[in-house]
Amino acid sequence: MAYSAENLTRSTLLANSVRVAGASAERRQGLLGVKELRPGEGLWIGPCEAIHTVGMKWPIDVVFLDSDRRVCKVKPALRPWRIVICLAAAAVLELPEGALTISGTKVGDLLAFHPSSN
């Protein structure tokens, strides 16, 4: 099932086709092997406090969320071969580069996930 990710604080859409990586194997795989994230796509990983872009070939925008789905850290344009940690996070949303700028998402914003038809 896919979800849409909405920034309730700013009334903006981050993505309309978000895959969930909840099982251990899915979380470990993440975006490895994905050729690209198109505008409107994303990966919601949980539980998760840290991600890496080792082996990736393109930058991504990263949103760390606490257990209430409030943004506790953002990392726009995270380049390949990097590691990012946020010990306050319960989940991570990985998005195409530029999604944070377009949506205006900042630390403290509240996100919501809704089932999507995509």
PDB file of N, CA and C in Angstrom:
ATOM      1  N   MET A   1       0.836  -1.179   0.000  1.00  0.00           N
ATOM      2  CA  MET A   1       0.000   0.000   0.000  1.00  0.00           C
ATOM      3  C   MET A   1       0.882   1.244   0.000  1.00  0.00           C
ATOM      4  N   ALA A   2       0.467   2.230  -0.741  1.00  0.00           N
ATOM      5  CA  ALA A   2       1.180   3.502  -0.800  1.00  0.00           C
ATOM      6  C   ALA A   2       0.421   4.547   0.016  1.00  0.00           C
ATOM      7  N   TYR A   3       1.150   5.558   0.443  1.00  0.00           N
ATOM      8  CA  TYR A   3       0.580   6.641   1.240  1.00  0.00           C
ATOM      9  C   TYR A   3       0.924   7.982   0.611  1.00  0.00           C
ATOM     10  N   SER A   4       0.159   8.991   0.948  1.00  0.00           N
ATOM     11  CA  SER A   4       0.551  10.361   0.655  1.00  0.00           C
ATOM     12  C   SER A   4       1.089  10.949   1.954  1.00  0.00           C
ATOM     13  N   ALA A   5       2.038  11.851   1.840  1.00  0.00           N
ATOM     14  CA  ALA A   5       2.627  12.518   3.003  1.00  0.00           C
ATOM     15  C   ALA A   5       2.309  14.004   2.902  1.00  0.00           C
ATOM     16  N   GLU A   6       1.615  14.503   3.918  1.00  0.00           N
ATOM     17  CA  GLU A   6       1.168  15.889   3.930  1.00  0.00           C
ATOM     18  C   GLU A   6       1.796  16.630   5.101  1.00  0.00           C
ATOM     19  N   ASN A   7       2.245  17.839   4.849  1.00  0.00           N
ATOM     20  CA  ASN A   7       2.720  18.718   5.914  1.00  0.00           C
ATOM     21  C   ASN A   7       1.512  19.505   6.401  1.00  0.00           C
ATOM     22  N   LEU A   8       0.978  19.130   7.565  1.00  0.00           N
ATOM     23  CA  LEU A   8      -0.217  19.779   8.105  1.00  0.00           C
ATOM     24  C   LEU A   8       0.065  21.222   8.522  1.00  0.00           C
ATOM     25  N   THR A   9       1.265  21.485   9.005  1.00  0.00           N
ATOM     26  CA  THR A   9       1.639  22.822   9.466  1.00  0.00           C
ATOM     27  C   THR A   9       1.599  23.827   8.329  1.00  0.00           C
ATOM     28  N   ARG A  10       2.057  23.422   7.152  1.00  0.00           N
ATOM     29  CA  ARG A  10       2.170  24.345   6.016  1.00  0.00           C
ATOM     30  C   ARG A  10       1.136  24.093   4.923  1.00  0.00           C
ATOM     31  N   SER A  11       0.281  23.091   5.129  1.00  0.00           N
ATOM     32  CA  SER A  11      -0.746  22.719   4.142  1.00  0.00           C
ATOM     33  C   SER A  11      -0.134  22.443   2.768  1.00  0.00           C
ATOM     34  N   THR A  12       0.947  21.640   2.781  1.00  0.00           N
ATOM     35  CA  THR A  12       1.603  21.279   1.531  1.00  0.00           C
ATOM     36  C   THR A  12       1.745  19.762   1.438  1.00  0.00           C
ATOM     37  N   LEU A  13       1.876  19.270   0.231  1.00  0.00           N
ATOM     38  CA  LEU A  13       2.052  17.845  -0.024  1.00  0.00           C
ATOM     39  C   LEU A  13       3.523  17.558  -0.267  1.00  0.00           C
ATOM     40  N   LEU A  14       4.082  16.619   0.480  1.00  0.00           N
ATOM     41  CA  LEU A  14       5.477  16.225   0.267  1.00  0.00           C
ATOM     42  C   LEU A  14       5.584  15.152  -0.804  1.00  0.00           C
ATOM     43  N   ALA A  15       4.647  14.206  -0.798  1.00  0.00           N
ATOM     44  CA  ALA A  15       4.670  13.109  -1.766  1.00  0.00           C
ATOM     45  C   ALA A  15       3.292  12.471  -1.828  1.00  0.00           C
ATOM     46  N   ASN A  16       2.931  11.941  -2.994  1.00  0.00           N
ATOM     47  CA  ASN A  16       1.634  11.281  -3.133  1.00  0.00           C
ATOM     48  C   ASN A  16       1.758   9.777  -3.341  1.00  0.00           C
ATOM     49  N   SER A  17       2.990   9.269  -3.360  1.00  0.00           N
ATOM     50  CA  SER A  17       3.218   7.832  -3.533  1.00  0.00           C
ATOM     51  C   SER A  17       4.398   7.396  -2.658  1.00  0.00           C
ATOM     52  N   VAL A  18       4.107   7.172  -1.377  1.00  0.00           N
ATOM     53  CA  VAL A  18       5.140   6.824  -0.399  1.00  0.00           C
ATOM     54  C   VAL A  18       5.036   5.340  -0.068  1.00  0.00           C
ATOM     55  N   ARG A  19       6.112   4.619  -0.315  1.00  0.00           N
ATOM     56  CA  ARG A  19       6.207   3.205   0.071  1.00  0.00           C
ATOM     57  C   ARG A  19       6.606   3.129   1.533  1.00  0.00           C
ATOM     58  N   VAL A  20       6.194   2.058   2.198  1.00  0.00           N
ATOM     59  CA  VAL A  20       6.544   1.848   3.599  1.00  0.00           C
ATOM     60  C   VAL A  20       7.592   0.748   3.697  1.00  0.00           C
ATOM     61  N   ALA A  21       8.635   1.007   4.466  1.00  0.00           N
ATOM     62  CA  ALA A  21       9.647  -0.003   4.788  1.00  0.00           C
ATOM     63  C   ALA A  21       9.568  -0.231   6.290  1.00  0.00           C
ATOM     64  N   GLY A  22       8.752  -1.200   6.685  1.00  0.00           N
ATOM     65  CA  GLY A  22       8.543  -1.456   8.102  1.00  0.00           C
ATOM     66  C   GLY A  22       9.205  -2.727   8.588  1.00  0.00           C
ATOM     67  N   ALA A  23       9.296  -3.727   7.719  1.00  0.00           N
ATOM     68  CA  ALA A  23       9.950  -4.983   8.088  1.00  0.00           C
ATOM     69  C   ALA A  23      11.462  -4.781   8.087  1.00  0.00           C
ATOM     70  N   SER A  24      12.155  -5.561   8.879  1.00  0.00           N
ATOM     71  CA  SER A  24      13.605  -5.426   9.017  1.00  0.00           C
ATOM     72  C   SER A  24      14.325  -5.458   7.674  1.00  0.00           C
ATOM     73  N   ALA A  25      13.993  -6.406   6.836  1.00  0.00           N
ATOM     74  CA  ALA A  25      14.654  -6.529   5.524  1.00  0.00           C
ATOM     75  C   ALA A  25      14.363  -5.310   4.653  1.00  0.00           C
ATOM     76  N   GLU A  26      13.138  -4.788   4.710  1.00  0.00           N
ATOM     77  CA  GLU A  26      12.778  -3.603   3.921  1.00  0.00           C
ATOM     78  C   GLU A  26      13.541  -2.374   4.409  1.00  0.00           C
ATOM     79  N   ARG A  27      13.689  -2.254   5.721  1.00  0.00           N
ATOM     80  CA  ARG A  27      14.423  -1.109   6.276  1.00  0.00           C
ATOM     81  C   ARG A  27      15.895  -1.165   5.883  1.00  0.00           C
ATOM     82  N   ARG A  28      16.473  -2.358   5.920  1.00  0.00           N
ATOM     83  CA  ARG A  28      17.893  -2.508   5.532  1.00  0.00           C
ATOM     84  C   ARG A  28      18.083  -2.198   4.050  1.00  0.00           C
ATOM     85  N   GLN A  29      17.135  -2.604   3.213  1.00  0.00           N
ATOM     86  CA  GLN A  29      17.230  -2.380   1.765  1.00  0.00           C
ATOM     87  C   GLN A  29      17.061  -0.902   1.424  1.00  0.00           C
ATOM     88  N   GLY A  30      16.063  -0.255   2.059  1.00  0.00           N
ATOM     89  CA  GLY A  30      15.818   1.165   1.800  1.00  0.00           C
ATOM     90  C   GLY A  30      15.690   1.464   0.322  1.00  0.00           C
ATOM     91  N   LEU A  31      16.437   2.452  -0.131  1.00  0.00           N
ATOM     92  CA  LEU A  31      16.414   2.842  -1.543  1.00  0.00           C
ATOM     93  C   LEU A  31      17.538   2.199  -2.352  1.00  0.00           C
ATOM     94  N   LEU A  32      18.313   1.320  -1.722  1.00  0.00           N
ATOM     95  CA  LEU A  32      19.387   0.663  -2.461  1.00  0.00           C
ATOM     96  C   LEU A  32      18.786  -0.143  -3.603  1.00  0.00           C
ATOM     97  N   GLY A  33      19.325   0.028  -4.770  1.00  0.00           N
ATOM     98  CA  GLY A  33      18.825  -0.671  -5.950  1.00  0.00           C
ATOM     99  C   GLY A  33      17.746   0.095  -6.702  1.00  0.00           C
ATOM    100  N   VAL A  34      17.216   1.169  -6.104  1.00  0.00           N
ATOM    101  CA  VAL A  34      16.231   2.011  -6.785  1.00  0.00           C
ATOM    102  C   VAL A  34      16.987   2.953  -7.707  1.00  0.00           C
ATOM    103  N   LYS A  35      16.594   3.000  -8.961  1.00  0.00           N
ATOM    104  CA  LYS A  35      17.324   3.819  -9.940  1.00  0.00           C
ATOM    105  C   LYS A  35      17.076   5.317  -9.768  1.00  0.00           C
ATOM    106  N   GLU A  36      15.878   5.677  -9.300  1.00  0.00           N
ATOM    107  CA  GLU A  36      15.576   7.089  -9.065  1.00  0.00           C
ATOM    108  C   GLU A  36      14.320   7.207  -8.218  1.00  0.00           C
ATOM    109  N   LEU A  37      14.204   8.323  -7.531  1.00  0.00           N
ATOM    110  CA  LEU A  37      12.970   8.697  -6.855  1.00  0.00           C
ATOM    111  C   LEU A  37      12.377   9.825  -7.682  1.00  0.00           C
ATOM    112  N   ARG A  38      11.215   9.589  -8.237  1.00  0.00           N
ATOM    113  CA  ARG A  38      10.569  10.617  -9.059  1.00  0.00           C
ATOM    114  C   ARG A  38       9.846  11.613  -8.160  1.00  0.00           C
ATOM    115  N   PRO A  39       9.582  12.807  -8.678  1.00  0.00           N
ATOM    116  CA  PRO A  39       8.789  13.762  -7.898  1.00  0.00           C
ATOM    117  C   PRO A  39       7.476  13.106  -7.454  1.00  0.00           C
ATOM    118  N   GLY A  40       7.127  13.297  -6.196  1.00  0.00           N
ATOM    119  CA  GLY A  40       5.904  12.714  -5.656  1.00  0.00           C
ATOM    120  C   GLY A  40       6.100  11.362  -5.005  1.00  0.00           C
ATOM    121  N   GLU A  41       7.279  10.755  -5.156  1.00  0.00           N
ATOM    122  CA  GLU A  41       7.555   9.461  -4.552  1.00  0.00           C
ATOM    123  C   GLU A  41       8.334   9.637  -3.242  1.00  0.00           C
ATOM    124  N   GLY A  42       8.314   8.587  -2.423  1.00  0.00           N
ATOM    125  CA  GLY A  42       9.069   8.624  -1.183  1.00  0.00           C
ATOM    126  C   GLY A  42       9.124   7.261  -0.535  1.00  0.00           C
ATOM    127  N   LEU A  43       9.951   7.158   0.508  1.00  0.00           N
ATOM    128  CA  LEU A  43      10.079   5.935   1.285  1.00  0.00           C
ATOM    129  C   LEU A  43       9.989   6.313   2.758  1.00  0.00           C
ATOM    130  N   TRP A  44       9.037   5.688   3.470  1.00  0.00           N
ATOM    131  CA  TRP A  44       8.789   5.929   4.894  1.00  0.00           C
ATOM    132  C   TRP A  44       9.360   4.739   5.649  1.00  0.00           C
ATOM    133  N   ILE A  45      10.407   4.967   6.440  1.00  0.00           N
ATOM    134  CA  ILE A  45      11.124   3.901   7.137  1.00  0.00           C
ATOM    135  C   ILE A  45      10.871   4.023   8.643  1.00  0.00           C
ATOM    136  N   GLY A  46      10.388   2.942   9.226  1.00  0.00           N
ATOM    137  CA  GLY A  46      10.160   2.987  10.654  1.00  0.00           C
ATOM    138  C   GLY A  46      10.082   1.595  11.252  1.00  0.00           C
ATOM    139  N   PRO A  47      10.598   1.430  12.451  1.00  0.00           N
ATOM    140  CA  PRO A  47      11.302   2.440  13.240  1.00  0.00           C
ATOM    141  C   PRO A  47      12.684   2.721  12.648  1.00  0.00           C
ATOM    142  N   CYS A  48      13.154   3.950  12.846  1.00  0.00           N
ATOM    143  CA  CYS A  48      14.448   4.331  12.262  1.00  0.00           C
ATOM    144  C   CYS A  48      14.974   5.603  12.920  1.00  0.00           C
ATOM    145  N   GLU A  49      16.246   5.556  13.324  1.00  0.00           N
ATOM    146  CA  GLU A  49      16.928   6.718  13.907  1.00  0.00           C
ATOM    147  C   GLU A  49      18.120   7.174  13.077  1.00  0.00           C
ATOM    148  N   ALA A  50      18.486   6.379  12.060  1.00  0.00           N
ATOM    149  CA  ALA A  50      19.665   6.716  11.259  1.00  0.00           C
ATOM    150  C   ALA A  50      19.522   6.110   9.869  1.00  0.00           C
ATOM    151  N   ILE A  51      20.072   6.812   8.899  1.00  0.00           N
ATOM    152  CA  ILE A  51      20.081   6.294   7.525  1.00  0.00           C
ATOM    153  C   ILE A  51      21.462   6.537   6.926  1.00  0.00           C
ATOM    154  N   HIS A  52      21.723   5.841   5.831  1.00  0.00           N
ATOM    155  CA  HIS A  52      22.958   6.082   5.080  1.00  0.00           C
ATOM    156  C   HIS A  52      22.626   6.115   3.599  1.00  0.00           C
ATOM    157  N   THR A  53      23.504   6.740   2.848  1.00  0.00           N
ATOM    158  CA  THR A  53      23.349   6.783   1.390  1.00  0.00           C
ATOM    159  C   THR A  53      24.524   6.083   0.708  1.00  0.00           C
ATOM    160  N   VAL A  54      25.145   5.166   1.419  1.00  0.00           N
ATOM    161  CA  VAL A  54      26.256   4.391   0.860  1.00  0.00           C
ATOM    162  C   VAL A  54      25.732   3.559  -0.304  1.00  0.00           C
ATOM    163  N   GLY A  55      26.366   3.683  -1.448  1.00  0.00           N
ATOM    164  CA  GLY A  55      25.969   2.932  -2.627  1.00  0.00           C
ATOM    165  C   GLY A  55      24.947   3.637  -3.502  1.00  0.00           C
ATOM    166  N   MET A  56      24.395   4.744  -3.028  1.00  0.00           N
ATOM    167  CA  MET A  56      23.430   5.481  -3.848  1.00  0.00           C
ATOM    168  C   MET A  56      24.178   6.362  -4.834  1.00  0.00           C
ATOM    169  N   LYS A  57      23.486   6.743  -5.893  1.00  0.00           N
ATOM    170  CA  LYS A  57      24.131   7.521  -6.949  1.00  0.00           C
ATOM    171  C   LYS A  57      23.593   8.944  -7.064  1.00  0.00           C
ATOM    172  N   TRP A  58      22.617   9.310  -6.215  1.00  0.00           N
ATOM    173  CA  TRP A  58      22.002  10.631  -6.311  1.00  0.00           C
ATOM    174  C   TRP A  58      21.593  11.100  -4.918  1.00  0.00           C
ATOM    175  N   PRO A  59      21.500  12.417  -4.730  1.00  0.00           N
ATOM    176  CA  PRO A  59      21.121  12.954  -3.421  1.00  0.00           C
ATOM    177  C   PRO A  59      19.624  12.801  -3.157  1.00  0.00           C
ATOM    178  N   ILE A  60      19.256  12.788  -1.868  1.00  0.00           N
ATOM    179  CA  ILE A  60      17.860  12.726  -1.456  1.00  0.00           C
ATOM    180  C   ILE A  60      17.619  13.750  -0.352  1.00  0.00           C
ATOM    181  N   ASP A  61      16.355  14.125  -0.174  1.00  0.00           N
ATOM    182  CA  ASP A  61      15.945  14.919   0.977  1.00  0.00           C
ATOM    183  C   ASP A  61      15.488  13.952   2.064  1.00  0.00           C
ATOM    184  N   VAL A  62      15.848  14.241   3.310  1.00  0.00           N
ATOM    185  CA  VAL A  62      15.544  13.342   4.419  1.00  0.00           C
ATOM    186  C   VAL A  62      14.823  14.109   5.527  1.00  0.00           C
ATOM    187  N   VAL A  63      13.740  13.492   6.026  1.00  0.00           N
ATOM    188  CA  VAL A  63      12.959  14.066   7.121  1.00  0.00           C
ATOM    189  C   VAL A  63      12.917  13.052   8.257  1.00  0.00           C
ATOM    190  N   PHE A  64      13.436  13.423   9.421  1.00  0.00           N
ATOM    191  CA  PHE A  64      13.347  12.579  10.609  1.00  0.00           C
ATOM    192  C   PHE A  64      12.106  12.995  11.387  1.00  0.00           C
ATOM    193  N   LEU A  65      11.302  12.007  11.816  1.00  0.00           N
ATOM    194  CA  LEU A  65      10.045  12.259  12.513  1.00  0.00           C
ATOM    195  C   LEU A  65      10.054  11.618  13.890  1.00  0.00           C
ATOM    196  N   ASP A  66       9.486  12.316  14.872  1.00  0.00           N
ATOM    197  CA  ASP A  66       9.337  11.709  16.194  1.00  0.00           C
ATOM    198  C   ASP A  66       8.090  10.821  16.196  1.00  0.00           C
ATOM    199  N   SER A  67       7.737  10.256  17.337  1.00  0.00           N
ATOM    200  CA  SER A  67       6.621   9.317  17.405  1.00  0.00           C
ATOM    201  C   SER A  67       5.268   9.976  17.149  1.00  0.00           C
ATOM    202  N   ASP A  68       5.205  11.305  17.223  1.00  0.00           N
ATOM    203  CA  ASP A  68       3.970  12.037  16.906  1.00  0.00           C
ATOM    204  C   ASP A  68       3.951  12.518  15.454  1.00  0.00           C
ATOM    205  N   ARG A  69       4.962  12.133  14.700  1.00  0.00           N
ATOM    206  CA  ARG A  69       5.152  12.526  13.291  1.00  0.00           C
ATOM    207  C   ARG A  69       5.460  14.018  13.148  1.00  0.00           C
ATOM    208  N   ARG A  70       6.093  14.559  14.173  1.00  0.00           N
ATOM    209  CA  ARG A  70       6.590  15.931  14.119  1.00  0.00           C
ATOM    210  C   ARG A  70       8.031  15.887  13.621  1.00  0.00           C
ATOM    211  N   VAL A  71       8.374  16.806  12.741  1.00  0.00           N
ATOM    212  CA  VAL A  71       9.718  16.848  12.152  1.00  0.00           C
ATOM    213  C   VAL A  71      10.725  17.244  13.226  1.00  0.00           C
ATOM    214  N   CYS A  72      11.710  16.375  13.459  1.00  0.00           N
ATOM    215  CA  CYS A  72      12.739  16.688  14.456  1.00  0.00           C
ATOM    216  C   CYS A  72      14.100  16.978  13.808  1.00  0.00           C
ATOM    217  N   LYS A  73      14.234  16.675  12.509  1.00  0.00           N
ATOM    218  CA  LYS A  73      15.480  17.011  11.804  1.00  0.00           C
ATOM    219  C   LYS A  73      15.215  16.901  10.304  1.00  0.00           C
ATOM    220  N   VAL A  74      15.813  17.774   9.517  1.00  0.00           N
ATOM    221  CA  VAL A  74      15.746  17.679   8.061  1.00  0.00           C
ATOM    222  C   VAL A  74      17.162  17.704   7.499  1.00  0.00           C
ATOM    223  N   LYS A  75      17.346  17.014   6.408  1.00  0.00           N
ATOM    224  CA  LYS A  75      18.636  16.996   5.730  1.00  0.00           C
ATOM    225  C   LYS A  75      18.345  17.112   4.238  1.00  0.00           C
ATOM    226  N   PRO A  76      18.285  18.334   3.710  1.00  0.00           N
ATOM    227  CA  PRO A  76      18.045  18.487   2.276  1.00  0.00           C
ATOM    228  C   PRO A  76      19.283  18.100   1.469  1.00  0.00           C
ATOM    229  N   ALA A  77      19.040  17.536   0.302  1.00  0.00           N
ATOM    230  CA  ALA A  77      20.105  17.208  -0.655  1.00  0.00           C
ATOM    231  C   ALA A  77      21.249  16.405  -0.029  1.00  0.00           C
ATOM    232  N   LEU A  78      20.892  15.365   0.729  1.00  0.00           N
ATOM    233  CA  LEU A  78      21.912  14.499   1.320  1.00  0.00           C
ATOM    234  C   LEU A  78      22.600  13.726   0.202  1.00  0.00           C
ATOM    235  N   ARG A  79      23.900  13.935   0.074  1.00  0.00           N
ATOM    236  CA  ARG A  79      24.667  13.330  -1.021  1.00  0.00           C
ATOM    237  C   ARG A  79      24.978  11.861  -0.740  1.00  0.00           C
ATOM    238  N   PRO A  80      25.317  11.132  -1.797  1.00  0.00           N
ATOM    239  CA  PRO A  80      25.722   9.724  -1.616  1.00  0.00           C
ATOM    240  C   PRO A  80      26.920   9.600  -0.673  1.00  0.00           C
ATOM    241  N   TRP A  81      27.009   8.437  -0.046  1.00  0.00           N
ATOM    242  CA  TRP A  81      28.106   8.056   0.842  1.00  0.00           C
ATOM    243  C   TRP A  81      28.131   8.863   2.137  1.00  0.00           C
ATOM    244  N   ARG A  82      26.939   9.164   2.662  1.00  0.00           N
ATOM    245  CA  ARG A  82      26.815   9.904   3.921  1.00  0.00           C
ATOM    246  C   ARG A  82      26.003   9.088   4.923  1.00  0.00           C
ATOM    247  N   ILE A  83      26.139   9.422   6.205  1.00  0.00           N
ATOM    248  CA  ILE A  83      25.358   8.820   7.287  1.00  0.00           C
ATOM    249  C   ILE A  83      24.759   9.971   8.091  1.00  0.00           C
ATOM    250  N   VAL A  84      23.466   9.831   8.456  1.00  0.00           N
ATOM    251  CA  VAL A  84      22.797  10.847   9.262  1.00  0.00           C
ATOM    252  C   VAL A  84      22.060  10.143  10.398  1.00  0.00           C
ATOM    253  N   ILE A  85      22.175  10.721  11.594  1.00  0.00           N
ATOM    254  CA  ILE A  85      21.563  10.141  12.788  1.00  0.00           C
ATOM    255  C   ILE A  85      20.717  11.205  13.481  1.00  0.00           C
ATOM    256  N   CYS A  86      19.575  10.765  14.025  1.00  0.00           N
ATOM    257  CA  CYS A  86      18.744  11.614  14.881  1.00  0.00           C
ATOM    258  C   CYS A  86      18.149  10.713  15.949  1.00  0.00           C
ATOM    259  N   LEU A  87      18.736  10.719  17.133  1.00  0.00           N
ATOM    260  CA  LEU A  87      18.317   9.811  18.193  1.00  0.00           C
ATOM    261  C   LEU A  87      16.898  10.078  18.696  1.00  0.00           C
ATOM    262  N   ALA A  88      16.358  11.248  18.407  1.00  0.00           N
ATOM    263  CA  ALA A  88      14.979  11.566  18.804  1.00  0.00           C
ATOM    264  C   ALA A  88      13.956  11.021  17.806  1.00  0.00           C
ATOM    265  N   ALA A  89      14.420  10.489  16.684  1.00  0.00           N
ATOM    266  CA  ALA A  89      13.515  10.058  15.615  1.00  0.00           C
ATOM    267  C   ALA A  89      12.912   8.685  15.880  1.00  0.00           C
ATOM    268  N   ALA A  90      11.687   8.526  15.401  1.00  0.00           N
ATOM    269  CA  ALA A  90      11.008   7.234  15.401  1.00  0.00           C
ATOM    270  C   ALA A  90      10.895   6.698  13.980  1.00  0.00           C
ATOM    271  N   ALA A  91      10.986   7.587  12.993  1.00  0.00           N
ATOM    272  CA  ALA A  91      10.851   7.199  11.587  1.00  0.00           C
ATOM    273  C   ALA A  91      11.578   8.215  10.713  1.00  0.00           C
ATOM    274  N   VAL A  92      11.776   7.826   9.454  1.00  0.00           N
ATOM    275  CA  VAL A  92      12.432   8.687   8.476  1.00  0.00           C
ATOM    276  C   VAL A  92      11.617   8.655   7.189  1.00  0.00           C
ATOM    277  N   LEU A  93      11.494   9.811   6.566  1.00  0.00           N
ATOM    278  CA  LEU A  93      10.880   9.913   5.250  1.00  0.00           C
ATOM    279  C   LEU A  93      11.957  10.352   4.271  1.00  0.00           C
ATOM    280  N   GLU A  94      12.208   9.516   3.258  1.00  0.00           N
ATOM    281  CA  GLU A  94      13.188   9.841   2.218  1.00  0.00           C
ATOM    282  C   GLU A  94      12.434  10.287   0.983  1.00  0.00           C
ATOM    283  N   LEU A  95      12.875  11.419   0.420  1.00  0.00           N
ATOM    284  CA  LEU A  95      12.175  12.065  -0.684  1.00  0.00           C
ATOM    285  C   LEU A  95      13.150  12.471  -1.775  1.00  0.00           C
ATOM    286  N   PRO A  96      12.654  12.751  -2.973  1.00  0.00           N
ATOM    287  CA  PRO A  96      13.542  13.255  -4.015  1.00  0.00           C
ATOM    288  C   PRO A  96      14.137  14.606  -3.620  1.00  0.00           C
ATOM    289  N   GLU A  97      15.327  14.850  -4.075  1.00  0.00           N
ATOM    290  CA  GLU A  97      15.967  16.137  -3.808  1.00  0.00           C
ATOM    291  C   GLU A  97      15.055  17.272  -4.270  1.00  0.00           C
ATOM    292  N   GLY A  98      14.888  18.266  -3.421  1.00  0.00           N
ATOM    293  CA  GLY A  98      14.059  19.427  -3.746  1.00  0.00           C
ATOM    294  C   GLY A  98      12.680  19.392  -3.111  1.00  0.00           C
ATOM    295  N   ALA A  99      12.238  18.236  -2.631  1.00  0.00           N
ATOM    296  CA  ALA A  99      10.896  18.119  -2.041  1.00  0.00           C
ATOM    297  C   ALA A  99      10.751  18.983  -0.795  1.00  0.00           C
ATOM    298  N   LEU A 100      11.812  19.103   0.003  1.00  0.00           N
ATOM    299  CA  LEU A 100      11.744  19.924   1.214  1.00  0.00           C
ATOM    300  C   LEU A 100      11.593  21.407   0.874  1.00  0.00           C
ATOM    301  N   THR A 101      12.297  21.839  -0.138  1.00  0.00           N
ATOM    302  CA  THR A 101      12.210  23.235  -0.567  1.00  0.00           C
ATOM    303  C   THR A 101      10.820  23.538  -1.107  1.00  0.00           C
ATOM    304  N   ILE A 102      10.312  22.653  -1.951  1.00  0.00           N
ATOM    305  CA  ILE A 102       8.994  22.864  -2.565  1.00  0.00           C
ATOM    306  C   ILE A 102       7.895  22.902  -1.503  1.00  0.00           C
ATOM    307  N   SER A 103       7.970  22.004  -0.523  1.00  0.00           N
ATOM    308  CA  SER A 103       6.929  21.916   0.507  1.00  0.00           C
ATOM    309  C   SER A 103       7.130  22.906   1.648  1.00  0.00           C
ATOM    310  N   GLY A 104       8.328  23.464   1.768  1.00  0.00           N
ATOM    311  CA  GLY A 104       8.634  24.383   2.852  1.00  0.00           C
ATOM    312  C   GLY A 104       8.794  23.708   4.205  1.00  0.00           C
ATOM    313  N   THR A 105       8.995  22.396   4.205  1.00  0.00           N
ATOM    314  CA  THR A 105       9.058  21.624   5.451  1.00  0.00           C
ATOM    315  C   THR A 105      10.260  22.015   6.307  1.00  0.00           C
ATOM    316  N   LYS A 106       9.984  22.237   7.602  1.00  0.00           N
ATOM    317  CA  LYS A 106      11.013  22.650   8.573  1.00  0.00           C
ATOM    318  C   LYS A 106      10.859  21.850   9.857  1.00  0.00           C
ATOM    319  N   VAL A 107      11.887  21.896  10.692  1.00  0.00           N
ATOM    320  CA  VAL A 107      11.833  21.277  12.012  1.00  0.00           C
ATOM    321  C   VAL A 107      10.654  21.871  12.786  1.00  0.00           C
ATOM    322  N   GLY A 108       9.886  20.993  13.445  1.00  0.00           N
ATOM    323  CA  GLY A 108       8.722  21.408  14.208  1.00  0.00           C
ATOM    324  C   GLY A 108       7.408  21.209  13.475  1.00  0.00           C
ATOM    325  N   ASP A 109       7.454  21.061  12.153  1.00  0.00           N
ATOM    326  CA  ASP A 109       6.233  20.840  11.377  1.00  0.00           C
ATOM    327  C   ASP A 109       5.627  19.483  11.708  1.00  0.00           C
ATOM    328  N   LEU A 110       4.320  19.371  11.558  1.00  0.00           N
ATOM    329  CA  LEU A 110       3.597  18.132  11.811  1.00  0.00           C
ATOM    330  C   LEU A 110       3.195  17.512  10.476  1.00  0.00           C
ATOM    331  N   LEU A 111       3.528  16.232  10.288  1.00  0.00           N
ATOM    332  CA  LEU A 111       3.175  15.516   9.052  1.00  0.00           C
ATOM    333  C   LEU A 111       2.051  14.531   9.312  1.00  0.00           C
ATOM    334  N   ALA A 112       1.334  14.199   8.245  1.00  0.00           N
ATOM    335  CA  ALA A 112       0.300  13.161   8.293  1.00  0.00           C
ATOM    336  C   ALA A 112       0.469  12.282   7.067  1.00  0.00           C
ATOM    337  N   PHE A 113       0.161  11.007   7.242  1.00  0.00           N
ATOM    338  CA  PHE A 113       0.215  10.022   6.157  1.00  0.00           C
ATOM    339  C   PHE A 113      -1.188   9.480   5.939  1.00  0.00           C
ATOM    340  N   HIS A 114      -1.614   9.464   4.670  1.00  0.00           N
ATOM    341  CA  HIS A 114      -2.950   8.999   4.310  1.00  0.00           C
ATOM    342  C   HIS A 114      -2.819   7.919   3.234  1.00  0.00           C
ATOM    343  N   PRO A 115      -3.643   6.877   3.287  1.00  0.00           N
ATOM    344  CA  PRO A 115      -3.620   5.885   2.200  1.00  0.00           C
ATOM    345  C   PRO A 115      -3.818   6.582   0.851  1.00  0.00           C
ATOM    346  N   SER A 116      -3.038   6.160  -0.129  1.00  0.00           N
ATOM    347  CA  SER A 116      -3.061   6.777  -1.449  1.00  0.00           C
ATOM    348  C   SER A 116      -3.528   5.766  -2.475  1.00  0.00           C
ATOM    349  N   SER A 117      -4.090   6.239  -3.542  1.00  0.00           N
ATOM    350  CA  SER A 117      -4.525   5.342  -4.618  1.00  0.00           C
ATOM    351  C   SER A 117      -3.389   5.022  -5.579  1.00  0.00           C
ATOM    352  N   ASN A 118      -2.224   5.637  -5.380  1.00  0.00           N
ATOM    353  CA  ASN A 118      -1.056   5.401  -6.271  1.00  0.00           C
ATOM    354  C   ASN A 118      -0.342   4.127  -5.927  1.00  0.00           C
TER     355      ASN A 118
END
